């Protein structure tokens, strides 16, 4: 949890009390190598902060795994589109090594935003990061990226 506290204090101007309230909403979880944070077809219910380890985001197309992205220490995990729309995820998120994450479900996030309005900044930042990542491949055509084995979000 120390890594998440350091991240929150370095990126945002939360008070010590606010940081404590935010941290209380997260649950520490260890994930083994090759275990999934999210499988394609599941509805994403959580966001997670990567304290240690790494993850791969991939999509299964015609029986082949196409890599979309990676997440490392101090990154966030979620399939934001699935999380917000509560629809099945189009991709999987899998640990590439033993990992520790800090997990929060959307119900806790929404409750936290109602009690601590400053948390909107955190959620907005996560949305902006997702949007930036999801649009970084747009100039390349879908067919071109499929041939390379890399899929845009």
Protein backbone atom coordinates (compact mmCIF):
# COMPACT_ATOMS: atom_id res chain seq x y z
CA UNK A 1 0.00 0.00 0.00
CA UNK A 2 3.04 2.22 0.49
CA UNK A 3 3.52 2.51 -3.29
CA UNK A 4 -0.05 3.72 -3.79
CA UNK A 5 0.29 6.27 -0.98
CA UNK A 6 3.50 7.59 -2.55
CA UNK A 7 1.80 7.78 -5.96
CA UNK A 8 -1.23 9.66 -4.61
CA UNK A 9 0.90 12.14 -2.69
CA UNK A 10 3.26 12.79 -5.61
CA UNK A 11 0.58 13.17 -8.33
CA UNK A 12 -2.23 14.87 -6.43
CA UNK A 13 -2.61 17.43 -3.69
CA UNK A 14 -4.64 15.26 -1.32
CA UNK A 15 -4.31 16.03 2.35
CA UNK A 16 -3.01 13.33 4.69
CA UNK A 17 -6.60 12.72 5.85
CA UNK A 18 -7.91 12.45 2.27
CA UNK A 19 -5.08 10.08 1.34
CA UNK A 20 -5.97 7.90 4.32
CA UNK A 21 -9.64 7.80 3.31
CA UNK A 22 -8.71 6.85 -0.25
CA UNK A 23 -6.33 4.10 0.85
CA UNK A 24 -9.03 2.56 3.08
CA UNK A 25 -11.08 1.85 -0.06
CA UNK A 26 -8.37 -0.32 -1.61
CA UNK A 27 -7.75 -4.00 -0.93
CA UNK A 28 -4.31 -5.56 -1.29
CA UNK A 29 -4.27 -8.56 -3.64
CA UNK A 30 -1.47 -10.83 -4.79
CA UNK A 31 -1.68 -12.27 -8.30
CA UNK A 32 0.38 -15.19 -9.56
CA UNK A 33 2.13 -15.23 -12.91
CA UNK A 34 -0.38 -15.99 -15.71
CA UNK A 35 -3.41 -15.28 -13.48
CA UNK A 36 -5.95 -12.85 -14.89
CA UNK A 37 -7.07 -9.50 -13.58
CA UNK A 38 -9.76 -9.58 -16.28
CA UNK A 39 -10.69 -12.08 -18.99
CA UNK A 40 -12.15 -11.18 -22.36
CA UNK A 41 -15.94 -11.42 -22.09
CA UNK A 42 -16.07 -10.55 -18.38
CA UNK A 43 -17.44 -7.22 -17.19
CA UNK A 44 -14.72 -5.13 -15.53
CA UNK A 45 -15.76 -4.36 -11.94
CA UNK A 46 -12.56 -2.91 -10.49
CA UNK A 47 -9.70 -0.53 -10.96
CA UNK A 48 -6.30 -1.52 -9.61
CA UNK A 49 -2.98 0.14 -8.91
CA UNK A 50 0.05 -2.01 -9.72
CA UNK A 51 2.34 -2.00 -6.66
CA UNK A 52 4.69 -4.62 -8.09
CA UNK A 53 4.84 -6.85 -11.13
CA UNK A 54 3.64 -6.37 -14.68
CA UNK A 55 0.61 -7.14 -16.83
CA UNK A 56 -0.18 -7.63 -20.49
CA UNK A 57 -3.38 -6.44 -22.19
CA UNK A 58 -4.35 -8.61 -25.14
CA UNK A 59 -7.24 -9.46 -27.40
CA UNK A 60 -7.96 -12.84 -28.98
CA UNK A 61 -8.61 -12.46 -32.71
CA UNK A 62 -9.09 -15.54 -34.89
CA UNK A 63 -7.41 -17.67 -32.24
CA UNK A 64 -4.34 -15.43 -31.97
CA UNK A 65 -3.45 -13.23 -29.02
CA UNK A 66 -2.88 -9.66 -30.17
CA UNK A 67 -1.02 -7.49 -27.67
CA UNK A 68 -2.66 -4.14 -26.92
CA UNK A 69 -0.58 -2.76 -24.06
CA UNK A 70 1.43 -3.43 -20.91
CA UNK A 71 1.15 -2.17 -17.33
CA UNK A 72 4.05 -1.93 -14.89
CA UNK A 73 4.63 -0.73 -11.34
CA UNK A 74 2.72 2.51 -10.58
CA UNK A 75 0.37 1.95 -13.54
CA UNK A 76 -3.37 1.42 -13.30
CA UNK A 77 -5.33 -1.62 -14.45
CA UNK A 78 -8.89 -1.50 -15.79
CA UNK A 79 -10.75 -1.93 -19.02
CA UNK A 80 -12.36 1.46 -18.66
CA UNK A 81 -14.92 1.04 -21.43
CA UNK A 82 -16.23 -2.16 -19.84
CA UNK A 83 -16.06 -0.65 -16.35
CA UNK A 84 -18.12 2.42 -17.20
CA UNK A 85 -20.63 0.79 -19.56
CA UNK A 86 -20.82 -2.49 -17.61
CA UNK A 87 -20.46 -4.43 -20.86
CA UNK A 88 -18.20 -7.42 -21.56
CA UNK A 89 -14.54 -6.57 -22.02
CA UNK A 90 -13.02 -6.96 -25.46
CA UNK A 91 -9.63 -7.77 -23.99
CA UNK A 92 -7.88 -9.69 -21.25
CA UNK A 93 -5.43 -8.41 -18.64
CA UNK A 94 -2.97 -11.04 -17.37
CA UNK A 95 -0.01 -10.97 -14.97
CA UNK A 96 3.32 -11.65 -16.69
CA UNK A 97 5.04 -12.23 -13.35
CA UNK A 98 3.96 -12.44 -9.69
CA UNK A 99 2.29 -9.14 -8.86
CA UNK A 100 0.71 -7.16 -6.06
CA UNK A 101 -2.16 -4.81 -6.82
CA UNK A 102 -4.36 -2.45 -4.82
CA UNK A 103 -7.96 -3.10 -5.84
CA UNK A 104 -11.05 -0.86 -5.65
CA UNK A 105 -14.50 -1.58 -7.07
CA UNK A 106 -16.62 1.12 -8.72
CA UNK A 107 -19.14 1.12 -5.88
CA UNK A 108 -16.38 2.19 -3.47
CA UNK A 109 -15.07 4.72 -6.02
CA UNK A 110 -18.54 6.28 -6.37
CA UNK A 111 -19.07 6.35 -2.59
CA UNK A 112 -15.64 7.90 -2.15
CA UNK A 113 -16.40 10.60 -4.74
CA UNK A 114 -19.61 11.47 -2.88
CA UNK A 115 -17.79 11.84 0.44
CA UNK A 116 -14.56 13.31 -0.94
CA UNK A 117 -15.21 15.53 -3.98
CA UNK A 118 -11.45 15.91 -4.57
CA UNK A 119 -11.41 12.25 -5.69
CA UNK A 120 -13.00 13.42 -8.96
CA UNK A 121 -9.48 14.57 -9.87
CA UNK A 122 -8.18 11.02 -9.52
CA UNK A 123 -11.01 9.57 -11.59
CA UNK A 124 -10.60 12.26 -14.26
CA UNK A 125 -6.88 11.53 -14.45
CA UNK A 126 -7.55 7.82 -14.94
CA UNK A 127 -10.09 8.61 -17.68
CA UNK A 128 -7.62 10.94 -19.42
CA UNK A 129 -4.88 8.30 -19.28
CA UNK A 130 -7.25 5.72 -20.75
CA UNK A 131 -8.35 8.11 -23.50
CA UNK A 132 -4.76 9.02 -24.36
CA UNK A 133 -3.72 5.36 -24.57
CA UNK A 134 -6.81 4.38 -26.53
CA UNK A 135 -6.25 7.03 -29.19
CA UNK A 136 -2.49 6.80 -29.60
CA UNK A 137 -2.82 4.22 -32.40
CA UNK A 138 -5.62 5.95 -34.32
CA UNK A 139 -3.51 7.22 -37.25
CA UNK A 140 -2.59 3.61 -38.09
CA UNK A 141 -5.28 1.64 -39.84
CA UNK A 142 -6.79 -1.35 -38.03
CA UNK A 143 -5.64 -3.72 -40.79
CA UNK A 144 -2.08 -2.44 -40.54
CA UNK A 145 -1.94 -2.92 -36.77
CA UNK A 146 -3.51 -6.37 -36.99
CA UNK A 147 -0.68 -7.47 -39.29
CA UNK A 148 1.84 -6.24 -36.72
CA UNK A 149 0.09 -8.14 -33.93
CA UNK A 150 -0.74 -4.95 -32.04
CA UNK A 151 -4.32 -3.81 -31.56
CA UNK A 152 -5.54 -0.31 -30.77
CA UNK A 153 -8.01 -0.15 -27.87
